[in-house]
N, C-alpha and C. Protein backbone atom coordinates (compact mmCIF):
# COMPACT_ATOMS: atom_id res chain seq x y z
N MET A 1 53.39 85.54 127.30
CA MET A 1 53.20 84.88 128.58
C MET A 1 53.27 85.90 129.71
N ASN A 2 52.37 85.74 130.64
CA ASN A 2 52.39 86.55 131.85
C ASN A 2 53.10 85.76 132.94
N ARG A 3 53.87 86.47 133.76
CA ARG A 3 54.67 85.83 134.81
C ARG A 3 54.45 86.58 136.11
N TYR A 4 54.11 85.84 137.16
CA TYR A 4 53.83 86.42 138.47
C TYR A 4 54.67 85.69 139.52
N GLU A 5 55.45 86.43 140.29
CA GLU A 5 56.29 85.86 141.33
C GLU A 5 55.75 86.26 142.70
N PHE A 6 55.70 85.28 143.61
CA PHE A 6 55.16 85.57 144.94
C PHE A 6 55.65 84.54 145.94
N GLN A 7 55.51 84.90 147.21
CA GLN A 7 55.84 84.00 148.32
C GLN A 7 54.53 83.52 148.91
N LEU A 8 54.49 82.25 149.30
CA LEU A 8 53.25 81.68 149.81
C LEU A 8 53.51 80.89 151.08
N ARG A 9 52.66 81.10 152.08
CA ARG A 9 52.73 80.36 153.34
C ARG A 9 51.30 80.02 153.73
N ILE A 10 50.96 78.76 153.58
CA ILE A 10 49.63 78.28 153.96
C ILE A 10 49.84 77.08 154.88
N SER A 11 49.32 77.13 156.09
CA SER A 11 49.48 76.02 157.03
C SER A 11 48.66 74.83 156.54
N SER A 12 48.96 73.65 157.07
CA SER A 12 48.21 72.47 156.67
C SER A 12 46.74 72.60 157.07
N ASP A 13 46.46 73.23 158.20
CA ASP A 13 45.07 73.46 158.61
C ASP A 13 44.36 74.40 157.65
N GLN A 14 45.02 75.47 157.24
CA GLN A 14 44.43 76.41 156.29
C GLN A 14 44.19 75.74 154.95
N TYR A 15 45.09 74.85 154.54
CA TYR A 15 44.95 74.21 153.25
C TYR A 15 43.73 73.30 153.19
N LEU A 16 43.24 72.82 154.32
CA LEU A 16 42.06 71.96 154.32
C LEU A 16 40.87 72.63 153.64
N ASP A 17 40.72 73.93 153.79
CA ASP A 17 39.62 74.64 153.12
C ASP A 17 39.75 74.56 151.60
N TYR A 18 40.97 74.60 151.11
CA TYR A 18 41.21 74.47 149.67
C TYR A 18 40.96 73.03 149.23
N TYR A 19 41.45 72.09 150.03
CA TYR A 19 41.31 70.67 149.71
C TYR A 19 39.84 70.25 149.65
N ARG A 20 39.06 70.72 150.61
CA ARG A 20 37.63 70.38 150.68
C ARG A 20 36.80 71.10 149.63
N GLY A 21 37.37 72.09 148.99
CA GLY A 21 36.63 72.84 147.98
C GLY A 21 35.85 74.02 148.53
N THR A 22 35.99 74.27 149.83
CA THR A 22 35.33 75.44 150.44
C THR A 22 35.89 76.72 149.82
N VAL A 23 37.20 76.72 149.58
CA VAL A 23 37.87 77.84 148.92
C VAL A 23 38.45 77.29 147.62
N ARG A 24 38.07 77.89 146.50
CA ARG A 24 38.51 77.37 145.20
C ARG A 24 39.54 78.23 144.50
N GLN A 25 39.70 79.46 144.96
CA GLN A 25 40.64 80.39 144.34
C GLN A 25 41.61 80.90 145.39
N VAL A 26 42.82 81.14 144.97
CA VAL A 26 43.85 81.72 145.83
C VAL A 26 44.16 83.11 145.30
N ILE A 27 44.24 84.07 146.19
CA ILE A 27 44.63 85.44 145.81
C ILE A 27 45.92 85.75 146.55
N VAL A 28 46.93 86.13 145.80
CA VAL A 28 48.23 86.44 146.38
C VAL A 28 48.71 87.81 145.93
N GLU A 29 49.61 88.39 146.71
CA GLU A 29 50.25 89.63 146.31
C GLU A 29 51.64 89.29 145.80
N CYS A 30 51.92 89.71 144.59
CA CYS A 30 53.20 89.42 143.95
C CYS A 30 54.30 90.32 144.50
N SER A 31 55.52 89.98 144.18
CA SER A 31 56.67 90.74 144.66
C SER A 31 56.66 92.18 144.17
N ASN A 32 55.94 92.46 143.06
CA ASN A 32 55.85 93.83 142.54
C ASN A 32 54.62 94.57 143.06
N GLY A 33 53.86 93.95 143.99
CA GLY A 33 52.69 94.58 144.58
C GLY A 33 51.38 94.27 143.85
N GLN A 34 51.46 93.67 142.71
CA GLN A 34 50.27 93.30 141.94
C GLN A 34 49.59 92.09 142.60
N LYS A 35 48.26 92.05 142.56
CA LYS A 35 47.53 90.90 143.09
C LYS A 35 47.09 90.02 141.93
N VAL A 36 47.15 88.70 142.17
CA VAL A 36 46.76 87.74 141.15
C VAL A 36 45.95 86.63 141.81
N GLN A 37 45.00 86.11 141.06
CA GLN A 37 44.12 85.04 141.53
C GLN A 37 44.29 83.83 140.63
N PHE A 38 44.31 82.63 141.23
CA PHE A 38 44.45 81.41 140.45
C PHE A 38 43.73 80.27 141.15
N PRO A 39 43.44 79.18 140.43
CA PRO A 39 42.73 78.04 141.02
C PRO A 39 43.56 77.35 142.10
N ALA A 40 42.93 77.05 143.22
CA ALA A 40 43.61 76.39 144.33
C ALA A 40 44.13 75.01 143.93
N ALA A 41 43.53 74.39 142.95
CA ALA A 41 43.96 73.05 142.51
C ALA A 41 45.42 73.04 142.06
N LEU A 42 45.95 74.18 141.64
CA LEU A 42 47.35 74.24 141.21
C LEU A 42 48.32 74.00 142.37
N LEU A 43 47.84 74.13 143.60
CA LEU A 43 48.69 73.99 144.77
C LEU A 43 48.88 72.54 145.22
N GLN A 44 48.03 71.64 144.79
CA GLN A 44 48.02 70.28 145.33
C GLN A 44 49.37 69.60 145.35
N ARG A 45 50.14 69.74 144.32
CA ARG A 45 51.41 69.01 144.26
C ARG A 45 52.49 69.60 145.18
N PHE A 46 52.22 70.73 145.81
CA PHE A 46 53.20 71.37 146.69
C PHE A 46 52.88 71.18 148.17
N VAL A 47 51.83 70.46 148.49
CA VAL A 47 51.40 70.30 149.88
C VAL A 47 52.31 69.30 150.61
N THR A 48 52.74 69.70 151.80
CA THR A 48 53.51 68.83 152.68
C THR A 48 52.77 68.74 154.01
N GLN A 49 53.31 68.03 154.96
CA GLN A 49 52.70 67.94 156.28
C GLN A 49 52.61 69.31 156.94
N ASP A 50 53.51 70.21 156.60
CA ASP A 50 53.52 71.55 157.18
C ASP A 50 52.66 72.54 156.40
N GLY A 51 52.08 72.11 155.31
CA GLY A 51 51.28 73.00 154.47
C GLY A 51 52.05 73.33 153.19
N ILE A 52 51.96 74.58 152.79
CA ILE A 52 52.64 75.03 151.57
C ILE A 52 53.47 76.25 151.92
N ARG A 53 54.76 76.18 151.64
CA ARG A 53 55.66 77.30 151.91
C ARG A 53 56.67 77.40 150.78
N GLY A 54 56.97 78.63 150.39
CA GLY A 54 58.00 78.81 149.40
C GLY A 54 57.76 79.98 148.48
N ASN A 55 58.67 80.15 147.56
CA ASN A 55 58.57 81.17 146.52
C ASN A 55 58.09 80.49 145.25
N PHE A 56 57.13 81.11 144.60
CA PHE A 56 56.50 80.49 143.44
C PHE A 56 56.45 81.44 142.26
N VAL A 57 56.32 80.84 141.08
CA VAL A 57 56.13 81.59 139.84
C VAL A 57 54.90 81.01 139.15
N LEU A 58 53.95 81.87 138.86
CA LEU A 58 52.76 81.50 138.11
C LEU A 58 52.90 82.07 136.71
N THR A 59 52.77 81.22 135.71
CA THR A 59 52.80 81.70 134.32
C THR A 59 51.49 81.32 133.65
N CYS A 60 51.04 82.17 132.75
CA CYS A 60 49.82 81.90 131.99
C CYS A 60 49.88 82.67 130.68
N ASP A 61 49.00 82.31 129.75
CA ASP A 61 48.99 82.97 128.45
C ASP A 61 48.34 84.35 128.55
N ALA A 62 48.26 85.06 127.44
CA ALA A 62 47.73 86.43 127.41
C ALA A 62 46.27 86.51 127.85
N GLN A 63 45.52 85.43 127.70
CA GLN A 63 44.11 85.40 128.11
C GLN A 63 43.97 84.88 129.55
N HIS A 64 45.09 84.74 130.25
CA HIS A 64 45.14 84.23 131.63
C HIS A 64 44.59 82.81 131.72
N LYS A 65 44.86 82.02 130.71
CA LYS A 65 44.49 80.60 130.67
C LYS A 65 45.76 79.78 130.69
N GLN A 66 45.60 78.49 130.77
CA GLN A 66 46.72 77.55 130.78
C GLN A 66 47.76 77.93 131.84
N ALA A 67 47.28 78.15 133.06
CA ALA A 67 48.15 78.55 134.16
C ALA A 67 49.04 77.39 134.59
N ARG A 68 50.27 77.74 134.93
CA ARG A 68 51.26 76.77 135.40
C ARG A 68 51.96 77.36 136.61
N LEU A 69 52.04 76.57 137.67
CA LEU A 69 52.67 77.02 138.92
C LEU A 69 53.93 76.22 139.17
N GLU A 70 55.01 76.92 139.49
CA GLU A 70 56.28 76.27 139.80
C GLU A 70 56.87 76.87 141.06
N ARG A 71 57.54 76.03 141.84
CA ARG A 71 58.25 76.53 143.02
C ARG A 71 59.65 76.97 142.58
N ARG A 72 60.07 78.13 143.07
CA ARG A 72 61.42 78.63 142.75
C ARG A 72 62.40 78.11 143.79
N ALA A 73 63.61 77.93 143.37
CA ALA A 73 64.67 77.47 144.28
C ALA A 73 65.13 78.56 145.19
């Protein structure tokens, strides 16, 4: 399993582009400096009125499939 940790701050206005499908992929810089890309659809369950904020962990298999996104405490 691959594990990527990062902080994310997307305003509710910015998230509209993801919601509408204008932007389908998210590219983030991880805490170790590595960049990772994942489907924007993984963010839907974390959206609030203020957008998306927090520390997250993305895990996926060796082929970078079956991605799972979780918010860290």
